[in-house]
Amino acid sequence: MKPSKFKKFIEEIIELCKKYNFSISHEDTHGAFIISDYNEKNINWFRNAFNETTNL
């Protein structure tokens, strides 16, 4: 089965995180996100993002 565009997008972002040693995490107070030092916990959180696009 061919991976969805959404899954490919997530995986490419994760590869960029690894390349630059950053990760994306969530800031609960205001709904924004944070760019932080690479952290596998943040990567796993990001990998589980909900797909609300129409471009599956």
PDB file of N, CA and C in Angstrom:
ATOM      1  N   MET A   1       0.831  -1.175   0.000  1.00  0.00           N
ATOM      2  CA  MET A   1       0.000   0.000   0.000  1.00  0.00           C
ATOM      3  C   MET A   1       0.884   1.249   0.000  1.00  0.00           C
ATOM      4  N   LYS A   2       0.567   2.184  -0.847  1.00  0.00           N
ATOM      5  CA  LYS A   2       1.333   3.417  -0.967  1.00  0.00           C
ATOM      6  C   LYS A   2       1.032   4.342   0.222  1.00  0.00           C
ATOM      7  N   PRO A   3       2.097   4.886   0.876  1.00  0.00           N
ATOM      8  CA  PRO A   3       1.857   5.790   2.013  1.00  0.00           C
ATOM      9  C   PRO A   3       1.097   7.041   1.575  1.00  0.00           C
ATOM     10  N   SER A   4       0.275   7.552   2.470  1.00  0.00           N
ATOM     11  CA  SER A   4      -0.488   8.749   2.162  1.00  0.00           C
ATOM     12  C   SER A   4       0.430   9.967   2.116  1.00  0.00           C
ATOM     13  N   LYS A   5      -0.035  11.027   1.465  1.00  0.00           N
ATOM     14  CA  LYS A   5       0.719  12.280   1.442  1.00  0.00           C
ATOM     15  C   LYS A   5       0.923  12.787   2.860  1.00  0.00           C
ATOM     16  N   PHE A   6      -0.065  12.625   3.700  1.00  0.00           N
ATOM     17  CA  PHE A   6       0.031  13.082   5.084  1.00  0.00           C
ATOM     18  C   PHE A   6       1.159  12.353   5.812  1.00  0.00           C
ATOM     19  N   LYS A   7       1.197  11.038   5.695  1.00  0.00           N
ATOM     20  CA  LYS A   7       2.243  10.252   6.362  1.00  0.00           C
ATOM     21  C   LYS A   7       3.620  10.631   5.827  1.00  0.00           C
ATOM     22  N   LYS A   8       3.739  10.821   4.526  1.00  0.00           N
ATOM     23  CA  LYS A   8       5.003  11.242   3.930  1.00  0.00           C
ATOM     24  C   LYS A   8       5.431  12.600   4.484  1.00  0.00           C
ATOM     25  N   PHE A   9       4.487  13.510   4.608  1.00  0.00           N
ATOM     26  CA  PHE A   9       4.763  14.836   5.155  1.00  0.00           C
ATOM     27  C   PHE A   9       5.321  14.719   6.572  1.00  0.00           C
ATOM     28  N   ILE A  10       4.643  13.943   7.423  1.00  0.00           N
ATOM     29  CA  ILE A  10       5.084  13.753   8.810  1.00  0.00           C
ATOM     30  C   ILE A  10       6.496  13.178   8.839  1.00  0.00           C
ATOM     31  N   GLU A  11       6.755  12.167   8.040  1.00  0.00           N
ATOM     32  CA  GLU A  11       8.070  11.526   8.035  1.00  0.00           C
ATOM     33  C   GLU A  11       9.158  12.478   7.532  1.00  0.00           C
ATOM     34  N   GLU A  12       8.843  13.310   6.550  1.00  0.00           N
ATOM     35  CA  GLU A  12       9.828  14.280   6.066  1.00  0.00           C
ATOM     36  C   GLU A  12      10.147  15.325   7.132  1.00  0.00           C
ATOM     37  N   ILE A  13       9.142  15.767   7.864  1.00  0.00           N
ATOM     38  CA  ILE A  13       9.375  16.721   8.956  1.00  0.00           C
ATOM     39  C   ILE A  13      10.262  16.069  10.016  1.00  0.00           C
ATOM     40  N   ILE A  14       9.999  14.822  10.338  1.00  0.00           N
ATOM     41  CA  ILE A  14      10.815  14.110  11.329  1.00  0.00           C
ATOM     42  C   ILE A  14      12.262  13.990  10.847  1.00  0.00           C
ATOM     43  N   GLU A  15      12.456  13.729   9.567  1.00  0.00           N
ATOM     44  CA  GLU A  15      13.819  13.671   9.029  1.00  0.00           C
ATOM     45  C   GLU A  15      14.516  15.022   9.157  1.00  0.00           C
ATOM     46  N   LEU A  16      13.800  16.114   8.928  1.00  0.00           N
ATOM     47  CA  LEU A  16      14.382  17.445   9.116  1.00  0.00           C
ATOM     48  C   LEU A  16      14.735  17.687  10.581  1.00  0.00           C
ATOM     49  N   CYS A  17      13.876  17.232  11.471  1.00  0.00           N
ATOM     50  CA  CYS A  17      14.165  17.360  12.901  1.00  0.00           C
ATOM     51  C   CYS A  17      15.473  16.649  13.238  1.00  0.00           C
ATOM     52  N   LYS A  18      15.643  15.452  12.729  1.00  0.00           N
ATOM     53  CA  LYS A  18      16.876  14.694  12.982  1.00  0.00           C
ATOM     54  C   LYS A  18      18.081  15.409  12.381  1.00  0.00           C
ATOM     55  N   LYS A  19      17.924  15.907  11.164  1.00  0.00           N
ATOM     56  CA  LYS A  19      19.018  16.582  10.470  1.00  0.00           C
ATOM     57  C   LYS A  19      19.518  17.797  11.249  1.00  0.00           C
ATOM     58  N   TYR A  20      18.591  18.580  11.795  1.00  0.00           N
ATOM     59  CA  TYR A  20      18.956  19.819  12.482  1.00  0.00           C
ATOM     60  C   TYR A  20      18.996  19.687  14.002  1.00  0.00           C
ATOM     61  N   ASN A  21      18.715  18.485  14.495  1.00  0.00           N
ATOM     62  CA  ASN A  21      18.728  18.204  15.926  1.00  0.00           C
ATOM     63  C   ASN A  21      17.699  19.045  16.697  1.00  0.00           C
ATOM     64  N   PHE A  22      16.528  19.213  16.095  1.00  0.00           N
ATOM     65  CA  PHE A  22      15.403  19.913  16.709  1.00  0.00           C
ATOM     66  C   PHE A  22      14.220  18.962  16.803  1.00  0.00           C
ATOM     67  N   SER A  23      13.254  19.329  17.618  1.00  0.00           N
ATOM     68  CA  SER A  23      11.974  18.626  17.601  1.00  0.00           C
ATOM     69  C   SER A  23      10.858  19.636  17.832  1.00  0.00           C
ATOM     70  N   ILE A  24       9.659  19.223  17.520  1.00  0.00           N
ATOM     71  CA  ILE A  24       8.472  20.057  17.668  1.00  0.00           C
ATOM     72  C   ILE A  24       7.673  19.509  18.835  1.00  0.00           C
ATOM     73  N   SER A  25       7.287  20.403  19.739  1.00  0.00           N
ATOM     74  CA  SER A  25       6.458  19.981  20.859  1.00  0.00           C
ATOM     75  C   SER A  25       5.305  20.961  21.021  1.00  0.00           C
ATOM     76  N   HIS A  26       4.392  20.653  21.911  1.00  0.00           N
ATOM     77  CA  HIS A  26       3.182  21.442  22.088  1.00  0.00           C
ATOM     78  C   HIS A  26       3.247  22.274  23.348  1.00  0.00           C
ATOM     79  N   GLU A  27       2.794  23.501  23.242  1.00  0.00           N
ATOM     80  CA  GLU A  27       2.725  24.420  24.379  1.00  0.00           C
ATOM     81  C   GLU A  27       1.254  24.547  24.750  1.00  0.00           C
ATOM     82  N   ASP A  28       0.850  23.961  25.861  1.00  0.00           N
ATOM     83  CA  ASP A  28      -0.567  23.853  26.210  1.00  0.00           C
ATOM     84  C   ASP A  28      -1.267  25.158  26.546  1.00  0.00           C
ATOM     85  N   THR A  29      -0.552  26.144  27.040  1.00  0.00           N
ATOM     86  CA  THR A  29      -1.204  27.359  27.520  1.00  0.00           C
ATOM     87  C   THR A  29      -1.896  28.142  26.416  1.00  0.00           C
ATOM     88  N   HIS A  30      -1.262  28.286  25.267  1.00  0.00           N
ATOM     89  CA  HIS A  30      -1.824  29.136  24.209  1.00  0.00           C
ATOM     90  C   HIS A  30      -2.094  28.385  22.905  1.00  0.00           C
ATOM     91  N   GLY A  31      -1.858  27.097  22.895  1.00  0.00           N
ATOM     92  CA  GLY A  31      -2.136  26.305  21.702  1.00  0.00           C
ATOM     93  C   GLY A  31      -1.069  26.382  20.626  1.00  0.00           C
ATOM     94  N   ALA A  32       0.058  27.017  20.922  1.00  0.00           N
ATOM     95  CA  ALA A  32       1.142  27.125  19.950  1.00  0.00           C
ATOM     96  C   ALA A  32       2.027  25.883  20.019  1.00  0.00           C
ATOM     97  N   PHE A  33       3.047  25.844  19.176  1.00  0.00           N
ATOM     98  CA  PHE A  33       4.017  24.763  19.285  1.00  0.00           C
ATOM     99  C   PHE A  33       5.387  25.357  19.572  1.00  0.00           C
ATOM    100  N   ILE A  34       6.295  24.510  20.026  1.00  0.00           N
ATOM    101  CA  ILE A  34       7.639  24.920  20.427  1.00  0.00           C
ATOM    102  C   ILE A  34       8.652  24.133  19.606  1.00  0.00           C
ATOM    103  N   ILE A  35       9.684  24.813  19.137  1.00  0.00           N
ATOM    104  CA  ILE A  35      10.818  24.140  18.532  1.00  0.00           C
ATOM    105  C   ILE A  35      11.861  24.002  19.639  1.00  0.00           C
ATOM    106  N   SER A  36      12.277  22.783  19.927  1.00  0.00           N
ATOM    107  CA  SER A  36      13.220  22.531  21.016  1.00  0.00           C
ATOM    108  C   SER A  36      14.332  21.613  20.535  1.00  0.00           C
ATOM    109  N   ASP A  37      15.292  21.345  21.414  1.00  0.00           N
ATOM    110  CA  ASP A  37      16.330  20.376  21.088  1.00  0.00           C
ATOM    111  C   ASP A  37      15.676  19.025  20.796  1.00  0.00           C
ATOM    112  N   TYR A  38      16.338  18.234  19.969  1.00  0.00           N
ATOM    113  CA  TYR A  38      15.786  16.935  19.578  1.00  0.00           C
ATOM    114  C   TYR A  38      15.473  16.086  20.807  1.00  0.00           C
ATOM    115  N   ASN A  39      14.260  15.536  20.797  1.00  0.00           N
ATOM    116  CA  ASN A  39      13.807  14.710  21.904  1.00  0.00           C
ATOM    117  C   ASN A  39      12.867  13.658  21.331  1.00  0.00           C
ATOM    118  N   GLU A  40      13.175  12.405  21.530  1.00  0.00           N
ATOM    119  CA  GLU A  40      12.386  11.317  20.950  1.00  0.00           C
ATOM    120  C   GLU A  40      10.932  11.348  21.428  1.00  0.00           C
ATOM    121  N   LYS A  41      10.702  11.778  22.656  1.00  0.00           N
ATOM    122  CA  LYS A  41       9.335  11.898  23.172  1.00  0.00           C
ATOM    123  C   LYS A  41       8.528  12.884  22.320  1.00  0.00           C
ATOM    124  N   ASN A  42       9.146  14.003  21.959  1.00  0.00           N
ATOM    125  CA  ASN A  42       8.464  14.984  21.107  1.00  0.00           C
ATOM    126  C   ASN A  42       8.225  14.439  19.708  1.00  0.00           C
ATOM    127  N   ILE A  43       9.178  13.682  19.199  1.00  0.00           N
ATOM    128  CA  ILE A  43       9.031  13.084  17.867  1.00  0.00           C
ATOM    129  C   ILE A  43       7.850  12.119  17.860  1.00  0.00           C
ATOM    130  N   ASN A  44       7.742  11.305  18.887  1.00  0.00           N
ATOM    131  CA  ASN A  44       6.613  10.364  18.971  1.00  0.00           C
ATOM    132  C   ASN A  44       5.289  11.100  19.072  1.00  0.00           C
ATOM    133  N   TRP A  45       5.260  12.193  19.819  1.00  0.00           N
ATOM    134  CA  TRP A  45       4.044  13.006  19.920  1.00  0.00           C
ATOM    135  C   TRP A  45       3.677  13.545  18.536  1.00  0.00           C
ATOM    136  N   PHE A  46       4.666  14.100  17.830  1.00  0.00           N
ATOM    137  CA  PHE A  46       4.427  14.664  16.500  1.00  0.00           C
ATOM    138  C   PHE A  46       3.965  13.598  15.521  1.00  0.00           C
ATOM    139  N   ARG A  47       4.569  12.425  15.590  1.00  0.00           N
ATOM    140  CA  ARG A  47       4.225  11.321  14.685  1.00  0.00           C
ATOM    141  C   ARG A  47       2.742  10.941  14.803  1.00  0.00           C
ATOM    142  N   ASN A  48       2.148  11.184  15.960  1.00  0.00           N
ATOM    143  CA  ASN A  48       0.746  10.837  16.193  1.00  0.00           C
ATOM    144  C   ASN A  48      -0.218  11.975  15.897  1.00  0.00           C
ATOM    145  N   ALA A  49       0.216  12.928  15.088  1.00  0.00           N
ATOM    146  CA  ALA A  49      -0.643  14.061  14.729  1.00  0.00           C
ATOM    147  C   ALA A  49      -1.924  13.575  14.049  1.00  0.00           C
ATOM    148  N   PHE A  50      -3.006  14.296  14.299  1.00  0.00           N
ATOM    149  CA  PHE A  50      -4.274  13.993  13.642  1.00  0.00           C
ATOM    150  C   PHE A  50      -4.261  14.565  12.224  1.00  0.00           C
ATOM    151  N   ASN A  51      -4.805  13.822  11.301  1.00  0.00           N
ATOM    152  CA  ASN A  51      -4.914  14.277   9.924  1.00  0.00           C
ATOM    153  C   ASN A  51      -6.283  14.914   9.713  1.00  0.00           C
ATOM    154  N   GLU A  52      -6.297  16.232   9.609  1.00  0.00           N
ATOM    155  CA  GLU A  52      -7.544  16.948   9.346  1.00  0.00           C
ATOM    156  C   GLU A  52      -7.523  17.598   7.965  1.00  0.00           C
ATOM    157  N   THR A  53      -6.638  17.105   7.101  1.00  0.00           N
ATOM    158  CA  THR A  53      -6.562  17.631   5.752  1.00  0.00           C
ATOM    159  C   THR A  53      -7.588  16.916   4.864  1.00  0.00           C
ATOM    160  N   THR A  54      -7.774  17.457   3.690  1.00  0.00           N
ATOM    161  CA  THR A  54      -8.612  16.776   2.700  1.00  0.00           C
ATOM    162  C   THR A  54      -7.732  16.050   1.681  1.00  0.00           C
ATOM    163  N   ASN A  55      -6.399  16.189   1.841  1.00  0.00           N
ATOM    164  CA  ASN A  55      -5.433  15.572   0.917  1.00  0.00           C
ATOM    165  C   ASN A  55      -4.858  14.310   1.526  1.00  0.00           C
ATOM    166  N   LEU A  56      -5.648  13.265   1.605  1.00  0.00           N
ATOM    167  CA  LEU A  56      -5.169  12.027   2.188  1.00  0.00           C
ATOM    168  C   LEU A  56      -4.142  11.409   1.284  1.00  0.00           C
TER     169      LEU A  56
END
